[in-house]
N, C-alpha and C. Protein backbone atom coordinates (compact mmCIF):
# COMPACT_ATOMS: atom_id res chain seq x y z
N MET A 1 18.42 -11.40 95.86
CA MET A 1 17.16 -10.83 96.33
C MET A 1 16.04 -11.86 96.19
N SER A 2 15.15 -11.85 97.13
CA SER A 2 14.01 -12.76 97.08
C SER A 2 13.15 -12.47 95.86
N SER A 3 12.57 -13.51 95.28
CA SER A 3 11.67 -13.32 94.15
C SER A 3 10.28 -12.93 94.60
N VAL A 4 10.05 -12.88 95.92
CA VAL A 4 8.73 -12.58 96.45
C VAL A 4 8.68 -11.20 97.05
N VAL A 5 9.48 -10.98 98.06
CA VAL A 5 9.40 -9.74 98.83
C VAL A 5 9.98 -8.57 98.06
N ALA A 6 9.36 -7.40 98.23
CA ALA A 6 9.79 -6.19 97.53
C ALA A 6 10.00 -5.06 98.51
N HIS A 7 10.70 -4.03 98.06
CA HIS A 7 10.95 -2.84 98.86
C HIS A 7 9.63 -2.31 99.44
N GLY A 8 9.65 -2.08 100.73
CA GLY A 8 8.46 -1.54 101.39
C GLY A 8 7.49 -2.57 101.92
N ASP A 9 7.74 -3.85 101.66
CA ASP A 9 6.86 -4.89 102.18
C ASP A 9 7.07 -5.06 103.68
N PHE A 10 5.99 -5.34 104.36
CA PHE A 10 6.02 -5.64 105.79
C PHE A 10 6.28 -7.13 105.94
N ILE A 11 7.14 -7.50 106.87
CA ILE A 11 7.40 -8.92 107.11
C ILE A 11 7.10 -9.20 108.58
N PHE A 12 5.96 -9.84 108.80
CA PHE A 12 5.54 -10.24 110.14
C PHE A 12 6.16 -11.59 110.45
N SER A 13 6.65 -11.77 111.66
CA SER A 13 7.35 -13.02 111.94
C SER A 13 7.17 -13.45 113.39
N VAL A 14 7.70 -14.63 113.66
CA VAL A 14 7.75 -15.20 115.00
C VAL A 14 9.21 -15.47 115.29
N LEU A 15 9.73 -14.84 116.34
CA LEU A 15 11.14 -15.01 116.68
C LEU A 15 11.33 -15.88 117.91
N GLY A 16 10.35 -15.90 118.78
CA GLY A 16 10.47 -16.69 120.00
C GLY A 16 9.75 -18.02 119.87
N ARG A 17 9.30 -18.54 121.01
CA ARG A 17 8.50 -19.77 120.98
C ARG A 17 7.22 -19.51 120.19
N ASP A 18 6.58 -20.58 119.72
CA ASP A 18 5.33 -20.41 118.99
C ASP A 18 4.33 -19.59 119.80
N GLU A 19 4.27 -19.85 121.09
CA GLU A 19 3.46 -19.00 121.97
C GLU A 19 4.40 -18.36 122.97
N ASN A 20 4.38 -17.05 123.01
CA ASN A 20 5.25 -16.32 123.92
C ASN A 20 4.51 -15.11 124.46
N ALA A 21 5.18 -14.32 125.28
CA ALA A 21 4.50 -13.21 125.96
C ALA A 21 3.91 -12.20 124.99
N ILE A 22 4.52 -12.04 123.81
CA ILE A 22 4.00 -11.08 122.83
C ILE A 22 2.89 -11.71 122.00
N SER A 23 3.13 -12.91 121.49
CA SER A 23 2.16 -13.52 120.58
C SER A 23 0.86 -13.93 121.28
N ALA A 24 0.92 -14.19 122.59
CA ALA A 24 -0.25 -14.70 123.30
C ALA A 24 -1.31 -13.65 123.58
N VAL A 25 -0.95 -12.36 123.45
CA VAL A 25 -1.91 -11.32 123.85
C VAL A 25 -2.77 -10.80 122.70
N GLU A 26 -2.40 -11.09 121.46
CA GLU A 26 -3.20 -10.57 120.35
C GLU A 26 -3.00 -11.42 119.09
N ALA A 27 -4.11 -11.86 118.52
CA ALA A 27 -4.06 -12.61 117.27
C ALA A 27 -4.03 -11.62 116.11
N GLY A 28 -3.35 -12.02 115.04
CA GLY A 28 -3.26 -11.19 113.85
C GLY A 28 -4.05 -11.76 112.70
N TYR A 29 -3.57 -11.52 111.51
CA TYR A 29 -4.22 -11.93 110.27
C TYR A 29 -4.59 -13.41 110.31
N ARG A 30 -5.89 -13.70 110.15
CA ARG A 30 -6.42 -15.07 110.16
C ARG A 30 -5.92 -15.87 111.35
N GLY A 31 -5.86 -15.24 112.50
CA GLY A 31 -5.48 -15.93 113.73
C GLY A 31 -3.99 -16.08 113.96
N ALA A 32 -3.16 -15.60 113.03
CA ALA A 32 -1.70 -15.77 113.14
C ALA A 32 -1.18 -15.10 114.41
N ARG A 33 -0.22 -15.76 115.03
CA ARG A 33 0.35 -15.28 116.28
C ARG A 33 1.76 -14.74 116.03
N PHE A 34 1.84 -13.50 115.60
CA PHE A 34 3.13 -12.86 115.34
C PHE A 34 3.68 -12.22 116.60
N ASP A 35 5.00 -12.16 116.70
CA ASP A 35 5.60 -11.41 117.80
C ASP A 35 6.60 -10.36 117.32
N HIS A 36 6.70 -10.17 116.01
CA HIS A 36 7.69 -9.21 115.49
C HIS A 36 7.27 -8.75 114.10
N VAL A 37 7.78 -7.58 113.71
CA VAL A 37 7.54 -7.08 112.36
C VAL A 37 8.71 -6.18 111.96
N GLY A 38 9.07 -6.27 110.70
CA GLY A 38 10.08 -5.39 110.11
C GLY A 38 9.60 -4.98 108.73
N ILE A 39 10.34 -4.12 108.07
CA ILE A 39 9.96 -3.66 106.74
C ILE A 39 11.14 -3.82 105.79
N ALA A 40 10.87 -4.38 104.60
CA ALA A 40 11.91 -4.63 103.62
C ALA A 40 12.37 -3.33 102.99
N VAL A 41 13.69 -3.18 102.86
CA VAL A 41 14.27 -1.97 102.29
C VAL A 41 15.34 -2.38 101.28
N GLU A 42 15.19 -1.92 100.05
CA GLU A 42 16.22 -2.19 99.04
C GLU A 42 17.25 -1.08 99.08
N GLN A 43 18.50 -1.46 99.20
CA GLN A 43 19.57 -0.47 99.29
C GLN A 43 20.80 -0.99 98.56
N ASP A 44 21.23 -0.25 97.56
CA ASP A 44 22.41 -0.61 96.77
C ASP A 44 22.31 -2.03 96.23
N GLY A 45 21.11 -2.40 95.77
CA GLY A 45 20.91 -3.71 95.17
C GLY A 45 20.73 -4.85 96.14
N ALA A 46 20.80 -4.55 97.43
CA ALA A 46 20.62 -5.59 98.46
C ALA A 46 19.28 -5.38 99.15
N LEU A 47 18.68 -6.47 99.59
CA LEU A 47 17.43 -6.39 100.32
C LEU A 47 17.72 -6.53 101.81
N LEU A 48 17.36 -5.50 102.55
CA LEU A 48 17.55 -5.48 103.99
C LEU A 48 16.20 -5.49 104.68
N VAL A 49 16.20 -5.74 105.97
CA VAL A 49 14.99 -5.59 106.77
C VAL A 49 15.28 -4.58 107.88
N LEU A 50 14.53 -3.49 107.85
CA LEU A 50 14.62 -2.46 108.86
C LEU A 50 13.73 -2.86 110.03
N GLU A 51 14.28 -2.88 111.23
CA GLU A 51 13.53 -3.38 112.37
C GLU A 51 14.05 -2.79 113.67
N ALA A 52 13.17 -2.72 114.65
CA ALA A 52 13.57 -2.39 116.02
C ALA A 52 13.61 -3.70 116.79
N ILE A 53 14.80 -4.09 117.17
CA ILE A 53 15.00 -5.36 117.87
C ILE A 53 16.17 -5.17 118.83
N ASP A 54 16.11 -5.79 119.97
CA ASP A 54 17.15 -5.64 120.97
C ASP A 54 18.54 -5.89 120.34
N PRO A 55 19.50 -4.96 120.45
CA PRO A 55 19.50 -3.81 121.36
C PRO A 55 19.12 -2.48 120.72
N GLU A 56 18.87 -2.44 119.37
CA GLU A 56 18.62 -1.15 118.74
C GLU A 56 17.98 -1.31 117.36
N VAL A 57 17.53 -0.21 116.82
CA VAL A 57 17.00 -0.20 115.46
C VAL A 57 18.16 -0.49 114.50
N LYS A 58 17.92 -1.42 113.56
CA LYS A 58 18.98 -1.78 112.62
C LYS A 58 18.37 -2.19 111.28
N ALA A 59 19.20 -2.26 110.28
CA ALA A 59 18.80 -2.77 108.96
C ALA A 59 19.78 -3.87 108.60
N GLY A 60 19.31 -5.12 108.63
CA GLY A 60 20.18 -6.26 108.38
C GLY A 60 19.73 -7.06 107.18
N PRO A 61 20.53 -8.00 106.72
CA PRO A 61 20.20 -8.78 105.54
C PRO A 61 18.87 -9.53 105.67
N TYR A 62 18.12 -9.51 104.60
CA TYR A 62 16.83 -10.22 104.55
C TYR A 62 17.01 -11.69 104.90
N ALA A 63 18.06 -12.32 104.39
CA ALA A 63 18.27 -13.75 104.64
C ALA A 63 18.42 -14.03 106.13
N ASN A 64 19.07 -13.12 106.85
CA ASN A 64 19.23 -13.31 108.30
C ASN A 64 17.89 -13.22 109.01
N TYR A 65 17.05 -12.30 108.56
CA TYR A 65 15.72 -12.12 109.15
C TYR A 65 14.91 -13.41 108.98
N VAL A 66 14.95 -13.96 107.78
CA VAL A 66 14.21 -15.19 107.51
C VAL A 66 14.74 -16.34 108.37
N GLU A 67 16.05 -16.44 108.46
CA GLU A 67 16.65 -17.52 109.23
C GLU A 67 16.22 -17.46 110.70
N ARG A 68 16.13 -16.25 111.24
CA ARG A 68 15.74 -16.10 112.65
C ARG A 68 14.31 -16.51 112.90
N SER A 69 13.49 -16.52 111.86
CA SER A 69 12.06 -16.83 112.05
C SER A 69 11.78 -18.33 112.07
N LYS A 70 12.78 -19.14 111.82
CA LYS A 70 12.53 -20.59 111.71
C LYS A 70 12.27 -21.21 113.08
N ASN A 71 11.40 -22.21 113.07
CA ASN A 71 11.13 -22.94 114.31
C ASN A 71 12.17 -24.03 114.52
N THR A 72 11.97 -24.85 115.54
CA THR A 72 12.97 -25.86 115.87
C THR A 72 13.10 -26.93 114.80
N GLU A 73 12.10 -27.01 113.91
CA GLU A 73 12.17 -27.97 112.80
C GLU A 73 12.72 -27.33 111.53
N GLY A 74 13.13 -26.09 111.62
CA GLY A 74 13.71 -25.41 110.47
C GLY A 74 12.70 -24.80 109.52
N LEU A 75 11.43 -24.69 109.95
CA LEU A 75 10.39 -24.13 109.09
C LEU A 75 10.21 -22.64 109.38
N PRO A 76 10.14 -21.82 108.32
CA PRO A 76 9.99 -20.37 108.54
C PRO A 76 8.60 -20.02 109.05
N ARG A 77 8.57 -18.98 109.90
CA ARG A 77 7.31 -18.53 110.49
C ARG A 77 7.17 -17.03 110.24
N PHE A 78 6.80 -16.67 109.01
CA PHE A 78 6.60 -15.26 108.71
C PHE A 78 5.55 -15.09 107.63
N ALA A 79 5.12 -13.84 107.47
CA ALA A 79 4.12 -13.49 106.46
C ALA A 79 4.51 -12.17 105.81
N TYR A 80 4.17 -12.04 104.54
CA TYR A 80 4.44 -10.81 103.80
C TYR A 80 3.15 -10.02 103.62
N ALA A 81 3.25 -8.70 103.76
CA ALA A 81 2.12 -7.82 103.49
C ALA A 81 2.61 -6.60 102.72
N ARG A 82 1.74 -6.05 101.89
CA ARG A 82 2.10 -4.91 101.05
C ARG A 82 1.03 -3.83 101.16
N LEU A 83 1.46 -2.60 101.28
CA LEU A 83 0.51 -1.50 101.28
C LEU A 83 -0.30 -1.50 99.99
N LEU A 84 -1.58 -1.19 100.09
CA LEU A 84 -2.39 -1.06 98.89
C LEU A 84 -1.85 0.09 98.04
N PRO A 85 -2.04 0.02 96.71
CA PRO A 85 -1.42 0.99 95.81
C PRO A 85 -1.68 2.45 96.18
N GLU A 86 -2.87 2.76 96.66
CA GLU A 86 -3.19 4.16 96.94
C GLU A 86 -2.43 4.74 98.14
N TYR A 87 -1.71 3.88 98.87
CA TYR A 87 -0.94 4.36 100.02
C TYR A 87 0.57 4.24 99.82
N ARG A 88 0.98 3.68 98.70
CA ARG A 88 2.41 3.42 98.51
C ARG A 88 3.23 4.70 98.31
N HIS A 89 2.55 5.81 98.03
CA HIS A 89 3.30 7.08 97.90
C HIS A 89 3.95 7.49 99.21
N LEU A 90 3.51 6.91 100.33
CA LEU A 90 4.08 7.23 101.63
C LEU A 90 5.42 6.52 101.88
N LEU A 91 5.71 5.50 101.09
CA LEU A 91 6.88 4.68 101.38
C LEU A 91 8.21 5.44 101.37
N PRO A 92 8.51 6.26 100.37
CA PRO A 92 9.83 6.91 100.39
C PRO A 92 10.10 7.70 101.67
N ALA A 93 9.14 8.54 102.06
CA ALA A 93 9.35 9.33 103.28
C ALA A 93 9.37 8.45 104.51
N ALA A 94 8.54 7.41 104.54
CA ALA A 94 8.52 6.50 105.69
C ALA A 94 9.85 5.80 105.86
N VAL A 95 10.39 5.30 104.75
CA VAL A 95 11.66 4.58 104.82
C VAL A 95 12.80 5.53 105.19
N ARG A 96 12.80 6.73 104.62
CA ARG A 96 13.85 7.70 104.99
C ARG A 96 13.83 7.97 106.50
N TYR A 97 12.62 8.16 107.03
CA TYR A 97 12.52 8.41 108.47
C TYR A 97 12.98 7.18 109.25
N GLY A 98 12.54 6.00 108.83
CA GLY A 98 12.95 4.78 109.53
C GLY A 98 14.45 4.60 109.55
N MET A 99 15.10 4.87 108.41
CA MET A 99 16.55 4.72 108.36
C MET A 99 17.25 5.77 109.23
N SER A 100 16.59 6.90 109.44
CA SER A 100 17.18 7.93 110.31
C SER A 100 17.16 7.50 111.77
N GLN A 101 16.41 6.46 112.08
CA GLN A 101 16.31 5.96 113.45
C GLN A 101 17.31 4.85 113.77
N LEU A 102 18.16 4.50 112.81
CA LEU A 102 19.15 3.46 113.06
C LEU A 102 19.96 3.81 114.31
N GLY A 103 20.13 2.82 115.17
CA GLY A 103 20.89 3.02 116.39
C GLY A 103 20.08 3.45 117.59
N VAL A 104 18.80 3.81 117.38
CA VAL A 104 17.94 4.15 118.52
C VAL A 104 17.73 2.89 119.36
N SER A 105 17.79 3.02 120.65
CA SER A 105 17.70 1.87 121.55
C SER A 105 16.33 1.18 121.45
N TYR A 106 16.37 -0.13 121.63
CA TYR A 106 15.14 -0.93 121.66
C TYR A 106 14.41 -0.69 122.97
N ASP A 107 13.08 -0.60 122.90
CA ASP A 107 12.26 -0.34 124.07
C ASP A 107 11.78 -1.67 124.67
N LYS A 108 12.47 -2.14 125.69
CA LYS A 108 12.13 -3.41 126.32
C LYS A 108 10.85 -3.35 127.14
N LEU A 109 10.41 -2.12 127.47
CA LEU A 109 9.22 -1.98 128.30
C LEU A 109 7.99 -1.56 127.50
N PHE A 110 8.14 -1.35 126.20
CA PHE A 110 7.00 -1.06 125.31
C PHE A 110 6.20 0.15 125.78
N LEU A 111 6.93 1.19 126.14
CA LEU A 111 6.30 2.42 126.62
C LEU A 111 6.36 3.49 125.53
N PRO A 112 5.37 4.38 125.49
CA PRO A 112 5.42 5.48 124.50
C PRO A 112 6.65 6.34 124.77
N SER A 113 7.54 6.43 123.79
CA SER A 113 8.78 7.18 123.98
C SER A 113 9.40 7.49 122.64
N GLU A 114 9.97 8.66 122.51
CA GLU A 114 10.72 9.00 121.30
C GLU A 114 12.17 8.56 121.42
N ARG A 115 12.59 8.19 122.63
CA ARG A 115 13.99 7.85 122.84
C ARG A 115 14.27 6.37 122.64
N GLN A 116 13.25 5.54 122.68
CA GLN A 116 13.39 4.11 122.47
C GLN A 116 12.22 3.63 121.62
N LEU A 117 12.43 2.56 120.88
CA LEU A 117 11.40 2.06 119.97
C LEU A 117 11.31 0.55 120.03
N TYR A 118 10.09 0.02 119.93
CA TYR A 118 9.91 -1.42 119.73
C TYR A 118 9.43 -1.63 118.30
N CYS A 119 9.30 -2.88 117.88
CA CYS A 119 9.18 -3.18 116.45
C CYS A 119 8.01 -2.49 115.75
N SER A 120 6.79 -2.68 116.24
CA SER A 120 5.64 -2.08 115.57
C SER A 120 5.59 -0.57 115.80
N GLU A 121 6.15 -0.10 116.91
CA GLU A 121 6.19 1.34 117.17
C GLU A 121 7.03 2.05 116.11
N LEU A 122 8.14 1.44 115.72
CA LEU A 122 8.97 2.02 114.66
C LEU A 122 8.15 2.23 113.40
N ILE A 123 7.39 1.22 113.01
CA ILE A 123 6.61 1.31 111.78
C ILE A 123 5.48 2.32 111.91
N VAL A 124 4.80 2.33 113.05
CA VAL A 124 3.75 3.33 113.28
C VAL A 124 4.34 4.74 113.16
N ASP A 125 5.50 4.95 113.76
CA ASP A 125 6.14 6.27 113.70
C ASP A 125 6.58 6.62 112.29
N MET A 126 7.10 5.65 111.55
CA MET A 126 7.54 5.89 110.18
C MET A 126 6.40 6.44 109.32
N PHE A 127 5.25 5.81 109.42
CA PHE A 127 4.15 6.21 108.56
C PHE A 127 3.41 7.44 109.07
N ALA A 128 3.46 7.68 110.37
CA ALA A 128 2.91 8.93 110.89
C ALA A 128 3.75 10.10 110.38
N HIS A 129 5.06 9.92 110.37
CA HIS A 129 5.95 10.96 109.86
C HIS A 129 5.68 11.21 108.37
N ALA A 130 5.57 10.14 107.60
CA ALA A 130 5.35 10.29 106.16
C ALA A 130 3.99 10.89 105.84
N ASN A 131 3.01 10.58 106.69
CA ASN A 131 1.64 11.03 106.45
C ASN A 131 1.36 12.43 107.01
N GLY A 132 2.30 12.95 107.78
CA GLY A 132 2.07 14.23 108.42
C GLY A 132 1.07 14.16 109.56
N GLY A 133 0.84 12.97 110.08
CA GLY A 133 -0.10 12.73 111.16
C GLY A 133 -0.36 11.25 111.27
N PRO A 134 -1.12 10.80 112.26
CA PRO A 134 -1.34 9.36 112.45
C PRO A 134 -1.81 8.65 111.19
N PHE A 135 -1.26 7.47 110.97
CA PHE A 135 -1.67 6.63 109.83
C PHE A 135 -2.14 5.29 110.38
N PHE A 136 -1.24 4.48 110.91
CA PHE A 136 -1.63 3.26 111.59
C PHE A 136 -2.11 3.65 113.00
N ARG A 137 -3.27 3.16 113.35
CA ARG A 137 -3.90 3.55 114.60
C ARG A 137 -3.24 2.87 115.80
N GLU A 138 -2.94 3.67 116.82
CA GLU A 138 -2.51 3.09 118.08
C GLU A 138 -3.75 2.65 118.85
N THR A 139 -3.59 1.61 119.65
CA THR A 139 -4.70 1.08 120.44
C THR A 139 -4.23 0.84 121.87
N PRO A 140 -5.14 0.70 122.81
CA PRO A 140 -4.72 0.37 124.18
C PRO A 140 -4.01 -0.99 124.20
N MET A 141 -2.82 -1.01 124.73
CA MET A 141 -2.06 -2.25 124.76
C MET A 141 -2.58 -3.18 125.85
N SER A 142 -2.46 -4.46 125.58
CA SER A 142 -2.84 -5.46 126.56
C SER A 142 -1.67 -6.40 126.81
N PHE A 143 -1.52 -6.77 128.05
CA PHE A 143 -0.49 -7.73 128.44
C PHE A 143 -1.16 -8.99 129.02
N ARG A 144 -2.43 -9.16 128.65
CA ARG A 144 -3.23 -10.28 129.13
C ARG A 144 -3.40 -11.32 128.04
N ARG A 145 -3.42 -12.57 128.41
CA ARG A 145 -3.76 -13.62 127.44
C ARG A 145 -5.14 -13.29 126.88
N ASP A 146 -5.29 -13.36 125.57
CA ASP A 146 -6.60 -13.00 125.02
C ASP A 146 -7.63 -14.11 125.19
N ASP A 147 -7.20 -15.28 125.68
CA ASP A 147 -8.18 -16.35 125.92
C ASP A 147 -8.65 -16.40 127.38
N THR A 148 -7.81 -15.93 128.32
CA THR A 148 -8.20 -15.99 129.74
C THR A 148 -8.38 -14.61 130.37
N GLY A 149 -7.77 -13.60 129.78
CA GLY A 149 -7.84 -12.26 130.36
C GLY A 149 -6.85 -12.02 131.49
N ASN A 150 -6.01 -13.00 131.77
CA ASN A 150 -5.03 -12.86 132.85
C ASN A 150 -3.72 -12.28 132.32
N ILE A 151 -3.11 -11.37 133.09
CA ILE A 151 -1.79 -10.86 132.71
C ILE A 151 -0.80 -12.01 132.77
N LEU A 152 -0.01 -12.16 131.73
CA LEU A 152 0.94 -13.26 131.67
C LEU A 152 2.03 -13.09 132.72
N ASP A 153 2.46 -14.21 133.28
CA ASP A 153 3.51 -14.17 134.29
C ASP A 153 4.79 -13.53 133.75
N ASP A 154 5.10 -13.79 132.46
CA ASP A 154 6.31 -13.21 131.88
C ASP A 154 6.30 -11.69 131.96
N TRP A 155 5.12 -11.10 131.70
CA TRP A 155 5.03 -9.64 131.77
C TRP A 155 5.11 -9.16 133.22
N SER A 156 4.44 -9.84 134.12
CA SER A 156 4.50 -9.44 135.53
C SER A 156 5.93 -9.45 136.04
N ARG A 157 6.67 -10.50 135.69
CA ARG A 157 8.06 -10.60 136.14
C ARG A 157 8.93 -9.51 135.51
N ARG A 158 8.72 -9.26 134.22
CA ARG A 158 9.54 -8.26 133.53
C ARG A 158 9.37 -6.88 134.16
N TYR A 159 8.13 -6.46 134.35
CA TYR A 159 7.90 -5.13 134.88
C TYR A 159 8.28 -5.03 136.35
N ALA A 160 8.10 -6.12 137.11
CA ALA A 160 8.55 -6.12 138.50
C ALA A 160 10.06 -5.95 138.58
N HIS A 161 10.77 -6.58 137.64
CA HIS A 161 12.23 -6.47 137.60
C HIS A 161 12.67 -5.02 137.44
N TYR A 162 11.92 -4.27 136.60
CA TYR A 162 12.28 -2.86 136.37
C TYR A 162 11.59 -1.91 137.36
N GLY A 163 10.78 -2.46 138.24
CA GLY A 163 10.15 -1.65 139.28
C GLY A 163 9.08 -0.71 138.77
N VAL A 164 8.40 -1.11 137.71
CA VAL A 164 7.31 -0.28 137.18
C VAL A 164 6.08 -1.17 136.99
N PRO A 165 4.88 -0.57 137.04
CA PRO A 165 3.68 -1.37 136.84
C PRO A 165 3.52 -1.79 135.39
N VAL A 166 2.83 -2.90 135.18
CA VAL A 166 2.50 -3.32 133.82
C VAL A 166 1.64 -2.23 133.18
N PRO A 167 2.03 -1.69 132.01
CA PRO A 167 1.30 -0.56 131.42
C PRO A 167 0.04 -0.98 130.66
N GLU A 168 -0.78 -1.78 131.30
CA GLU A 168 -2.02 -2.24 130.69
C GLU A 168 -2.86 -1.04 130.26
N GLY A 169 -3.28 -1.01 129.01
CA GLY A 169 -4.13 0.05 128.50
C GLY A 169 -3.41 1.26 127.96
N ALA A 170 -2.08 1.30 128.09
CA ALA A 170 -1.33 2.44 127.53
C ALA A 170 -1.42 2.40 126.01
N PRO A 171 -1.36 3.55 125.34
CA PRO A 171 -1.43 3.54 123.88
C PRO A 171 -0.20 2.87 123.27
N GLY A 172 -0.44 2.09 122.24
CA GLY A 172 0.68 1.41 121.60
C GLY A 172 0.23 0.62 120.39
N SER A 173 1.04 -0.36 120.04
CA SER A 173 0.76 -1.17 118.85
C SER A 173 1.29 -2.58 119.06
N HIS A 174 0.90 -3.46 118.18
CA HIS A 174 1.28 -4.88 118.27
C HIS A 174 1.40 -5.41 116.84
N PRO A 175 2.38 -6.27 116.58
CA PRO A 175 2.50 -6.82 115.22
C PRO A 175 1.22 -7.48 114.73
N GLY A 176 0.54 -8.22 115.63
CA GLY A 176 -0.71 -8.87 115.22
C GLY A 176 -1.76 -7.87 114.79
N GLY A 177 -1.96 -6.85 115.60
CA GLY A 177 -2.93 -5.83 115.27
C GLY A 177 -2.59 -5.11 113.98
N LEU A 178 -1.31 -4.83 113.78
CA LEU A 178 -0.87 -4.15 112.56
C LEU A 178 -1.18 -5.00 111.33
N SER A 179 -1.04 -6.32 111.45
CA SER A 179 -1.29 -7.21 110.30
C SER A 179 -2.75 -7.22 109.88
N LEU A 180 -3.63 -6.70 110.73
CA LEU A 180 -5.06 -6.67 110.42
C LEU A 180 -5.48 -5.37 109.73
N ASP A 181 -4.57 -4.42 109.58
CA ASP A 181 -4.94 -3.13 109.03
C ASP A 181 -5.46 -3.28 107.60
N HIS A 182 -6.58 -2.61 107.30
CA HIS A 182 -7.24 -2.77 106.00
C HIS A 182 -6.45 -2.17 104.85
N ARG A 183 -5.41 -1.41 105.14
CA ARG A 183 -4.60 -0.83 104.07
C ARG A 183 -3.42 -1.71 103.69
N LEU A 184 -3.34 -2.87 104.32
CA LEU A 184 -2.31 -3.85 103.99
C LEU A 184 -2.94 -5.06 103.32
N HIS A 185 -2.26 -5.55 102.29
CA HIS A 185 -2.67 -6.81 101.64
C HIS A 185 -1.66 -7.88 102.03
N VAL A 186 -2.10 -8.84 102.84
CA VAL A 186 -1.23 -9.96 103.22
C VAL A 186 -1.26 -10.95 102.06
N TYR A 187 -0.12 -11.12 101.41
CA TYR A 187 -0.12 -11.91 100.18
C TYR A 187 0.58 -13.26 100.29
N ARG A 188 1.20 -13.51 101.43
CA ARG A 188 1.79 -14.84 101.62
C ARG A 188 2.01 -15.08 103.10
N VAL A 189 1.61 -16.26 103.57
CA VAL A 189 1.83 -16.67 104.96
C VAL A 189 2.44 -18.06 104.94
N GLU A 190 3.55 -18.21 105.60
CA GLU A 190 4.18 -19.54 105.68
C GLU A 190 3.32 -20.45 106.57
N PRO A 191 3.16 -21.71 106.17
CA PRO A 191 2.26 -22.61 106.92
C PRO A 191 2.63 -22.82 108.37
N ALA A 192 3.90 -22.63 108.73
CA ALA A 192 4.33 -22.89 110.12
C ALA A 192 4.01 -21.75 111.07
N VAL A 193 3.44 -20.66 110.57
CA VAL A 193 3.08 -19.56 111.48
C VAL A 193 2.04 -20.07 112.47
N PRO A 194 2.31 -19.97 113.79
CA PRO A 194 1.37 -20.50 114.77
C PRO A 194 0.03 -19.75 114.71
N GLY A 195 -1.05 -20.52 114.86
CA GLY A 195 -2.38 -19.94 114.90
C GLY A 195 -3.01 -19.62 113.55
N TYR A 196 -2.23 -19.64 112.48
CA TYR A 196 -2.73 -19.23 111.17
C TYR A 196 -3.79 -20.21 110.66
N GLN A 197 -4.93 -19.68 110.25
CA GLN A 197 -6.00 -20.48 109.71
C GLN A 197 -6.21 -20.12 108.24
N ARG A 198 -6.01 -21.06 107.38
CA ARG A 198 -6.12 -20.80 105.94
C ARG A 198 -7.56 -20.46 105.57
C-alpha cells in the first residue's frame, strides 16, 4: 500500500496526451490539466482505485492506476485530494454505492444517464447518493478550448461519428472542476502534471 494515499482519497490524473480533448476545456487545481479521476478504496488489505473508464466501471490495483498516468518520460501525472474532515462521514455510503456500479458501461458521449457513467460522473453520483441529495455541483459542460472558445475538432468528430450534436451546456462534471471543490484538500501534486503552477 502507498504510504501517501488513503481510503477515500481522490486521485486526479492525466491518461492521454498532456493536452487532449478533455484536459483542454477546463483547468483544475492551480491550473492543472486533468483528464481523469478515480477514488482510492481499501479492500481486504489492498488499495484499489474505483473508476469509470472505458469499457466500464471497475476497481483495479492502485499501482496500475499510477503506471497509466505516466508520461512518455516515465513521470507520473496525478494529484491526491482528501475530503475535509467534516465531510468524511459520507465516505462509507459513497464507496458502497460506487462499488455497486461495477460493470456499468462507460459513457463515451458524456451525457446525463443512469445507464452509463464517465469518471467524474461516477464520483458525483456516489456522493449525491451518500448525501441524500446533490453534493458536488454539476455545471454546464463545455467542449470548447478555454483559451479560444472554439469547440475542439476531436469533440466535433466524435459526436459526428455517433450522429448526435455536441452537448455544449448540458449538465455534467469535469475532473478539473471537481479538483477545485472547496471541500477537497489537494495535498500532493506530481510536478509533471501539465499546467500545474506551484
